[in-house]
Amino acid sequence: MKPVKFMLLAIAVLGGWLAIFNSTFAQTWVQTSAPTNDLYPVVSSVDGLKLAAIGDDAIYTSTNSGNSWISNNIPNLNWTDIASSADGNKLIIVSYNGFIYLSTNSGQAWKSPMGINPNKSWFSVASSADGTKLMASYQNGLGGGIYTSTNSGNSWVSNSVPNLFLRSVASSADGDKLIAVGDSVIYTSTNSGNTWVSTSVPFGVNHLLCVASSADGSKLLATGQGAVCVSTNSGNIWVTSNVPRLDWGSAAMSADGSKLIIGASGDLSDQGYTNGGPIFTSTDLGKTWTSNNVPDETWTSIASSADGSKLAASTEFNEGFWIAQSTPTPQLNIAPTNLDLKFSWLVPSTNFVLQQSSDLSNWSDVTNSPALNLINLQEEVVLSPTNGSGFYRLESR
């Protein structure tokens, strides 16, 4: 069999496979018209089209990246957090008053599941990409704990974590790797919450407020009062970032962990921010940060598409809802699988089509529909090479 030669993103590859990637990141934000100026936690589907957020009086959803919203038919029960499946169809909301509601149709209808006994003061919730594995933390005075579900929230079990208030939780795409943070503690699990281990928090890091995870759970981002920490080994070791000493109350991460986003909700001391704080982004795992072109606001939550090119940020105190979008540049990967080849790319926030050519002049769309891998949030297409040379690229539509 002749060696197969390929082109990725219109680059010819001889004697092997190559992926071309040019990273860009959203820097310019625009304020959108939202039904309320007080939107709190916000979550996004992997393509950034479907958003869901908790308002001061209702649950709101959007199917066009936050440009317009509708109010969902659900009681106002002091909701505290919301989580979404990868496609945005399955939603879960939790209440400090002890309620958990579920939706399987992007918020059009809701149900309160059975099997949660006793009711808790729920504070944070996370979901696997398929929406079957869920995790929720609760507060009990100065303490608290975690419950998990493996059947889309129909039944729950208490986890063996210490009696601690864990204020933010996150999950890998498969729901196996979990992380929970509290004031000055970080707990991780590699088996869907059956067992937990405490990880070493960097010296001087206190009052952790928010955590985000990559799709595979290897890269983690934890933010808090005056500190931002990053891990590249599933939380075994943490490194602090050089950021201003602000109250970093919100965080998000692209699915591959290459893009980090943090939002400040307040000025702790002498930074000079008089109205909340900025949004910072990083493309080198927090080694360096860039301040985004956005007003200083009280940022309560940030959501990201899988590729990090569509961002949504919510505020409180009548400061509005903001979105940012940049042109994604997905990396095209090739891997042999038996006699076939598997092409994959991180699910993009705009439409891309895999194309093929035999001469670099005439291109045609690959007719095989890509399938979304819910483990790594990659679009995948398997092809059988028909001759000794071929060229492939991703074209935006």
Protein backbone atom coordinates (compact mmCIF):
# COMPACT_ATOMS: atom_id res chain seq x y z
CA MET A 1 0.00 0.00 0.00
CA LYS A 2 1.38 3.40 -0.95
CA PRO A 3 2.04 5.94 1.81
CA VAL A 4 -0.88 8.34 2.11
CA LYS A 5 -0.13 12.08 1.94
CA PHE A 6 -2.54 14.69 3.26
CA MET A 7 -3.22 18.36 3.42
CA LEU A 8 -4.63 19.96 6.51
CA LEU A 9 -6.03 23.46 6.25
CA ALA A 10 -4.58 23.68 2.72
CA ILE A 11 -1.06 22.61 3.84
CA ALA A 12 0.45 19.57 2.14
CA VAL A 13 1.94 16.93 4.42
CA LEU A 14 4.53 14.51 3.18
CA GLY A 15 5.33 11.23 4.89
CA GLY A 16 3.03 11.71 7.89
CA TRP A 17 0.35 13.79 9.47
CA LEU A 18 0.38 17.38 10.60
CA ALA A 19 -2.09 19.72 12.25
CA ILE A 20 -2.03 23.48 11.76
CA PHE A 21 -3.43 25.75 14.45
CA ASN A 22 -3.49 29.53 14.69
CA SER A 23 -4.82 30.69 18.04
CA THR A 24 -6.92 33.82 18.36
CA PHE A 25 -9.01 34.97 21.29
CA ALA A 26 -12.01 37.21 21.81
CA GLN A 27 -11.08 40.61 23.18
CA THR A 28 -14.03 42.86 22.33
CA TRP A 29 -17.29 42.56 24.23
CA VAL A 30 -20.72 44.00 23.46
CA GLN A 31 -23.65 44.47 25.77
CA THR A 32 -26.84 42.74 24.66
CA SER A 33 -30.42 43.42 25.53
CA ALA A 34 -31.45 41.02 28.29
CA PRO A 35 -34.86 40.71 29.98
CA THR A 36 -33.27 41.58 33.30
CA ASN A 37 -30.07 43.38 34.23
CA ASP A 38 -29.43 40.92 37.05
CA LEU A 39 -28.44 37.60 35.45
CA TYR A 40 -26.31 35.44 37.70
CA PRO A 41 -24.92 31.98 36.79
CA VAL A 42 -24.89 31.44 33.00
CA VAL A 43 -24.08 28.24 31.09
CA SER A 44 -23.49 27.50 27.42
CA SER A 45 -23.84 24.64 24.97
CA VAL A 46 -20.61 23.55 23.29
CA ASP A 47 -21.35 25.58 20.16
CA GLY A 48 -22.21 28.69 22.16
CA LEU A 49 -25.69 29.01 20.65
CA LYS A 50 -27.80 27.87 23.61
CA LEU A 51 -27.43 29.81 26.84
CA ALA A 52 -29.30 29.48 30.11
CA ALA A 53 -29.10 31.82 33.08
CA ILE A 54 -30.65 32.45 36.46
CA GLY A 55 -32.23 35.88 36.75
CA ASP A 56 -33.44 37.75 39.76
CA ASP A 57 -37.02 36.63 39.09
CA ALA A 58 -36.91 33.70 36.62
CA ILE A 59 -34.83 31.28 34.56
CA TYR A 60 -33.96 32.65 31.12
CA THR A 61 -32.79 30.82 27.99
CA SER A 62 -31.41 31.90 24.63
CA THR A 63 -30.94 30.00 21.36
CA ASN A 64 -28.93 32.70 19.56
CA SER A 65 -25.88 33.24 21.77
CA GLY A 66 -27.63 35.70 24.06
CA ASN A 67 -28.96 38.14 21.49
CA SER A 68 -32.52 37.45 22.65
CA TRP A 69 -33.98 35.65 25.67
CA ILE A 70 -37.19 34.05 26.85
CA SER A 71 -38.41 33.57 30.40
CA ASN A 72 -39.03 29.96 31.45
CA ASN A 73 -42.17 28.83 33.20
CA ILE A 74 -40.75 27.92 36.60
CA PRO A 75 -41.32 29.21 40.15
CA ASN A 76 -38.84 31.63 41.71
CA LEU A 77 -37.36 29.44 44.47
CA ASN A 78 -34.10 31.19 45.33
CA TRP A 79 -32.14 29.43 42.58
CA THR A 80 -28.37 29.47 43.09
CA ASP A 81 -26.73 27.63 40.17
CA ILE A 82 -27.36 26.01 36.79
CA ALA A 83 -25.59 23.41 34.63
CA SER A 84 -26.05 22.21 31.06
CA SER A 85 -25.32 19.21 28.88
CA ALA A 86 -23.09 19.69 25.83
CA ASP A 87 -26.02 20.15 23.45
CA GLY A 88 -27.84 22.51 25.79
CA ASN A 89 -30.93 20.29 25.93
CA LYS A 90 -30.52 18.98 29.48
CA LEU A 91 -30.50 21.63 32.19
CA ILE A 92 -30.35 21.33 35.97
CA ILE A 93 -30.97 24.15 38.45
CA VAL A 94 -30.52 24.04 42.21
CA SER A 95 -32.01 26.17 44.95
CA TYR A 96 -30.77 27.29 48.35
CA ASN A 97 -34.29 26.47 49.53
CA GLY A 98 -33.70 22.76 48.85
CA PHE A 99 -35.14 22.32 45.35
CA ILE A 100 -33.62 20.70 42.25
CA TYR A 101 -35.38 21.03 38.89
CA LEU A 102 -34.51 19.33 35.60
CA SER A 103 -35.28 20.05 31.96
CA THR A 104 -34.68 17.85 28.92
CA ASN A 105 -35.83 20.36 26.29
CA SER A 106 -33.64 23.43 26.87
CA GLY A 107 -35.89 24.83 29.57
CA GLN A 108 -39.26 24.63 27.84
CA ALA A 109 -40.55 22.31 30.57
CA TRP A 110 -39.21 21.42 34.03
CA LYS A 111 -39.71 18.68 36.59
CA SER A 112 -38.67 18.22 40.20
CA PRO A 113 -37.03 14.80 40.58
CA MET A 114 -37.71 12.31 43.36
CA GLY A 115 -35.07 10.62 45.47
CA ILE A 116 -33.48 13.71 47.06
CA ASN A 117 -33.83 13.21 50.79
CA PRO A 118 -33.20 15.22 52.80
CA ASN A 119 -33.47 18.50 50.97
CA LYS A 120 -30.34 20.62 51.23
CA SER A 121 -29.35 24.23 50.78
CA TRP A 122 -27.92 23.59 47.31
CA PHE A 123 -25.22 25.99 46.18
CA SER A 124 -23.41 24.70 43.05
CA VAL A 125 -24.04 22.09 40.37
CA ALA A 126 -22.09 20.48 37.49
CA SER A 127 -22.98 18.11 34.64
CA SER A 128 -21.26 15.66 32.33
CA ALA A 129 -21.48 16.35 28.59
CA ASP A 130 -24.36 13.91 28.09
CA GLY A 131 -26.22 15.18 31.15
CA THR A 132 -26.39 11.79 32.88
CA LYS A 133 -23.78 12.36 35.61
CA LEU A 134 -24.50 15.28 37.93
CA MET A 135 -22.88 16.72 41.04
CA ALA A 136 -24.32 19.23 43.50
CA SER A 137 -22.81 20.81 46.59
CA TYR A 138 -24.76 22.15 49.56
CA GLN A 139 -24.20 24.32 52.59
CA ASN A 140 -25.07 23.33 56.14
CA GLY A 141 -24.13 26.15 58.47
CA LEU A 142 -20.35 26.42 58.22
CA GLY A 143 -20.17 22.95 56.68
CA GLY A 144 -21.72 21.11 53.79
CA GLY A 145 -21.17 18.26 51.36
CA ILE A 146 -21.77 16.80 47.91
CA TYR A 147 -24.40 14.59 46.29
CA THR A 148 -23.99 12.88 42.90
CA SER A 149 -26.34 11.31 40.39
CA THR A 150 -25.59 8.88 37.55
CA ASN A 151 -29.08 8.80 36.03
CA SER A 152 -29.73 12.40 34.96
CA GLY A 153 -30.84 13.47 38.43
CA ASN A 154 -33.59 10.92 39.04
CA SER A 155 -31.80 9.65 42.16
CA TRP A 156 -28.89 10.95 44.25
CA VAL A 157 -26.33 9.62 46.71
CA SER A 158 -24.31 11.43 49.35
CA ASN A 159 -20.55 11.45 48.81
CA SER A 160 -17.82 10.78 51.37
CA VAL A 161 -16.36 14.25 51.60
CA PRO A 162 -15.63 16.10 54.85
CA ASN A 163 -18.28 18.35 56.37
CA LEU A 164 -17.17 21.39 54.38
CA PHE A 165 -18.92 24.11 52.43
CA LEU A 166 -17.70 23.53 48.85
CA ARG A 167 -18.94 26.58 47.00
CA SER A 168 -18.07 25.63 43.39
CA VAL A 169 -17.94 22.32 41.50
CA ALA A 170 -16.91 21.28 37.98
CA SER A 171 -16.84 18.07 35.93
CA SER A 172 -14.95 16.55 33.04
CA ALA A 173 -16.98 15.79 29.94
CA ASP A 174 -17.36 12.11 30.82
CA GLY A 175 -18.33 12.91 34.41
CA ASP A 176 -15.54 10.77 35.88
CA LYS A 177 -13.22 13.54 37.06
CA LEU A 178 -14.81 15.97 39.50
CA ILE A 179 -13.46 18.94 41.40
CA ALA A 180 -14.89 20.97 44.25
CA VAL A 181 -13.42 24.03 45.96
CA GLY A 182 -14.15 25.77 49.23
CA ASP A 183 -12.65 28.62 51.19
CA SER A 184 -9.12 27.18 51.26
CA VAL A 185 -9.64 23.56 50.17
CA ILE A 186 -9.69 21.67 46.89
CA TYR A 187 -11.09 18.15 46.55
CA THR A 188 -10.90 15.98 43.42
CA SER A 189 -12.39 12.66 42.38
CA THR A 190 -11.49 10.35 39.48
CA ASN A 191 -14.41 7.95 39.86
CA SER A 192 -17.53 10.09 39.59
CA GLY A 193 -17.44 11.03 43.26
CA ASN A 194 -17.18 7.58 44.83
CA THR A 195 -13.97 8.65 46.57
CA TRP A 196 -12.32 12.03 47.02
CA VAL A 197 -8.82 13.29 47.79
CA SER A 198 -7.69 16.63 49.13
CA THR A 199 -5.08 18.42 47.04
CA SER A 200 -2.49 20.90 48.22
CA VAL A 201 -3.64 24.48 47.88
CA PRO A 202 -0.83 26.96 47.14
CA PHE A 203 0.39 28.89 50.14
CA GLY A 204 -1.57 32.05 50.80
CA VAL A 205 -4.57 31.08 48.63
CA ASN A 206 -7.79 31.47 50.57
CA HIS A 207 -11.49 31.83 49.86
CA LEU A 208 -11.72 30.01 46.52
CA LEU A 209 -14.91 31.02 44.73
CA CYS A 210 -15.06 29.33 41.32
CA VAL A 211 -13.58 26.40 39.39
CA ALA A 212 -13.52 25.33 35.72
CA SER A 213 -12.35 22.15 33.99
CA SER A 214 -11.18 21.07 30.54
CA ALA A 215 -13.11 18.29 28.80
CA ASP A 216 -10.67 15.59 29.89
CA GLY A 217 -10.34 16.97 33.42
CA SER A 218 -6.58 17.35 33.21
CA LYS A 219 -6.51 21.14 33.14
CA LEU A 220 -8.23 23.02 35.95
CA LEU A 221 -8.74 26.67 36.82
CA ALA A 222 -9.61 27.87 40.33
CA THR A 223 -10.23 31.50 41.23
CA GLY A 224 -10.89 33.30 44.46
CA GLN A 225 -10.26 36.35 46.55
CA GLY A 226 -6.94 37.72 45.37
CA ALA A 227 -5.71 34.58 43.62
CA VAL A 228 -5.96 32.49 40.46
CA CYS A 229 -4.58 28.93 40.38
CA VAL A 230 -4.01 26.57 37.44
CA SER A 231 -3.36 22.82 37.37
CA THR A 232 -2.29 20.73 34.36
CA ASN A 233 -2.42 17.34 36.09
CA SER A 234 -6.00 17.01 37.30
CA GLY A 235 -5.38 18.98 40.47
CA ASN A 236 -2.38 17.14 41.88
CA ILE A 237 -0.22 20.28 41.64
CA TRP A 238 -1.39 23.89 41.48
CA VAL A 239 0.45 27.00 40.34
CA THR A 240 -0.65 30.54 41.15
CA SER A 241 -0.97 33.09 38.35
CA ASN A 242 0.38 36.61 38.40
CA VAL A 243 -2.86 38.58 38.35
CA PRO A 244 -4.05 41.71 40.19
CA ARG A 245 -5.31 41.13 43.71
CA LEU A 246 -9.02 41.23 42.89
CA ASP A 247 -12.05 39.25 43.91
CA TRP A 248 -12.06 36.80 40.97
CA GLY A 249 -15.57 35.42 41.28
CA SER A 250 -16.07 33.79 37.86
CA ALA A 251 -14.04 31.52 35.59
CA ALA A 252 -14.38 29.55 32.34
CA MET A 253 -12.14 27.42 30.14
CA SER A 254 -12.21 26.08 26.58
CA ALA A 255 -12.68 22.33 26.25
CA ASP A 256 -9.01 21.71 25.46
CA GLY A 257 -7.86 23.99 28.26
CA SER A 258 -5.97 26.30 25.92
CA LYS A 259 -8.08 29.37 26.73
CA LEU A 260 -8.79 30.66 30.22
CA ILE A 261 -11.23 33.42 31.13
CA ILE A 262 -11.68 35.06 34.54
CA GLY A 263 -13.96 37.85 35.70
CA ALA A 264 -13.59 40.09 38.75
CA SER A 265 -16.51 40.79 41.01
CA GLY A 266 -14.81 43.31 43.26
CA ASP A 267 -11.67 45.20 44.30
CA LEU A 268 -10.05 43.78 47.42
CA SER A 269 -7.76 46.64 48.34
CA ASP A 270 -5.71 49.06 46.29
CA GLN A 271 -6.17 48.12 42.63
CA GLY A 272 -8.13 51.25 41.80
CA TYR A 273 -11.24 49.58 40.40
CA THR A 274 -14.25 51.52 41.56
CA ASN A 275 -16.99 49.41 39.99
CA GLY A 276 -16.26 45.71 40.14
CA GLY A 277 -13.31 44.77 37.94
CA PRO A 278 -12.10 43.56 34.52
CA ILE A 279 -12.25 40.35 32.49
CA PHE A 280 -8.86 38.73 31.83
CA THR A 281 -8.02 36.04 29.27
CA SER A 282 -5.00 33.78 28.87
CA THR A 283 -3.78 31.45 26.11
CA ASP A 284 -0.74 30.04 27.94
CA LEU A 285 -2.31 28.35 30.98
CA GLY A 286 -2.27 31.46 33.06
CA LYS A 287 1.39 32.41 32.66
CA THR A 288 0.32 35.72 31.12
CA TRP A 289 -3.05 37.47 31.01
CA THR A 290 -4.66 40.09 28.79
CA SER A 291 -7.24 42.56 30.02
CA ASN A 292 -10.26 42.53 27.72
CA ASN A 293 -11.92 45.57 26.16
CA VAL A 294 -14.84 45.61 28.58
CA PRO A 295 -15.97 48.00 31.32
CA ASP A 296 -15.18 47.26 34.95
CA GLU A 297 -18.30 45.54 36.21
CA THR A 298 -19.36 43.12 38.94
CA TRP A 299 -18.97 39.93 36.87
CA THR A 300 -20.94 37.10 38.45
CA SER A 301 -20.51 34.34 35.87
CA ILE A 302 -18.72 33.57 32.59
CA ALA A 303 -19.59 30.83 30.10
CA SER A 304 -17.59 29.65 27.08
CA SER A 305 -18.22 27.60 23.97
CA ALA A 306 -16.02 24.52 23.63
CA ASP A 307 -13.56 26.34 21.37
CA GLY A 308 -13.45 29.46 23.55
CA SER A 309 -14.53 31.69 20.67
CA LYS A 310 -17.99 32.52 22.02
CA LEU A 311 -18.09 33.97 25.51
CA ALA A 312 -20.98 35.18 27.66
CA ALA A 313 -20.69 37.09 30.91
CA SER A 314 -23.37 38.07 33.42
CA THR A 315 -23.36 40.86 35.96
CA GLU A 316 -25.41 42.13 38.86
CA PHE A 317 -26.40 45.57 40.11
CA ASN A 318 -28.06 46.49 36.77
CA GLU A 319 -24.81 46.19 34.81
CA GLY A 320 -26.23 44.06 31.99
CA PHE A 321 -25.31 40.96 29.98
CA TRP A 322 -22.28 40.87 27.68
CA ILE A 323 -21.09 38.60 24.85
CA ALA A 324 -17.89 38.31 22.83
CA GLN A 325 -17.15 36.37 19.66
CA SER A 326 -14.01 35.76 17.63
CA THR A 327 -13.45 33.68 14.50
CA PRO A 328 -12.48 30.16 15.52
CA THR A 329 -9.51 28.43 13.92
CA PRO A 330 -10.04 24.75 14.69
CA GLN A 331 -7.11 22.38 14.61
CA LEU A 332 -7.61 19.46 12.22
CA ASN A 333 -6.19 16.20 13.55
CA ILE A 334 -5.59 12.88 11.81
CA ALA A 335 -5.17 9.51 13.47
CA PRO A 336 -4.98 6.05 11.84
CA THR A 337 -7.66 3.60 12.88
CA ASN A 338 -7.15 0.14 11.36
CA LEU A 339 -6.96 0.85 7.59
CA ASP A 340 -9.03 4.01 7.89
CA LEU A 341 -8.24 7.51 9.05
CA LYS A 342 -10.06 9.45 11.72
CA PHE A 343 -10.28 13.21 11.27
CA SER A 344 -11.20 15.24 14.34
CA TRP A 345 -11.48 18.86 15.47
CA LEU A 346 -12.79 20.60 18.56
CA VAL A 347 -16.48 21.34 18.04
CA PRO A 348 -16.46 24.91 16.70
CA SER A 349 -18.75 27.79 17.59
CA THR A 350 -19.38 28.45 13.87
CA ASN A 351 -20.02 25.96 11.11
CA PHE A 352 -17.01 24.25 9.50
CA VAL A 353 -17.12 21.61 6.78
CA LEU A 354 -14.44 18.99 6.09
CA GLN A 355 -13.36 19.12 2.44
CA GLN A 356 -11.11 16.93 0.30
CA SER A 357 -9.14 17.37 -2.89
CA SER A 358 -6.83 15.30 -5.07
CA ASP A 359 -5.05 18.24 -6.75
CA LEU A 360 -5.33 21.25 -4.39
CA SER A 361 -7.45 23.04 -7.00
CA ASN A 362 -10.82 21.36 -6.87
CA TRP A 363 -12.38 20.86 -3.47
CA SER A 364 -15.52 18.97 -2.50
CA ASP A 365 -17.34 18.53 0.79
CA VAL A 366 -16.88 15.24 2.61
CA THR A 367 -20.38 13.79 2.74
CA ASN A 368 -19.84 11.80 5.94
CA SER A 369 -21.54 13.67 8.77
CA PRO A 370 -19.29 14.31 11.76
CA ALA A 371 -20.20 12.72 15.07
CA LEU A 372 -19.67 14.52 18.37
CA ASN A 373 -17.45 12.61 20.77
CA LEU A 374 -18.85 13.42 24.21
CA ILE A 375 -15.61 12.36 25.92
CA ASN A 376 -13.37 15.03 24.35
CA LEU A 377 -15.98 17.28 22.65
CA GLN A 378 -14.40 16.69 19.24
CA GLU A 379 -16.21 16.32 15.94
CA GLU A 380 -15.03 13.09 14.29
CA VAL A 381 -15.18 11.70 10.75
CA VAL A 382 -13.73 8.33 9.70
CA LEU A 383 -12.71 7.96 6.05
CA SER A 384 -11.20 5.19 3.95
CA PRO A 385 -8.40 6.50 1.66
CA THR A 386 -9.11 5.61 -1.97
CA ASN A 387 -5.71 6.39 -3.48
CA GLY A 388 -2.12 7.19 -2.56
CA SER A 389 -2.49 10.93 -2.04
CA GLY A 390 -5.12 13.22 -0.68
CA PHE A 391 -5.61 16.70 0.73
CA TYR A 392 -8.03 17.78 3.42
CA ARG A 393 -9.06 21.06 4.98
CA LEU A 394 -11.72 22.67 7.15
CA GLU A 395 -13.73 25.41 5.47
CA SER A 396 -15.97 27.82 7.38
CA ARG A 397 -19.53 28.32 6.18
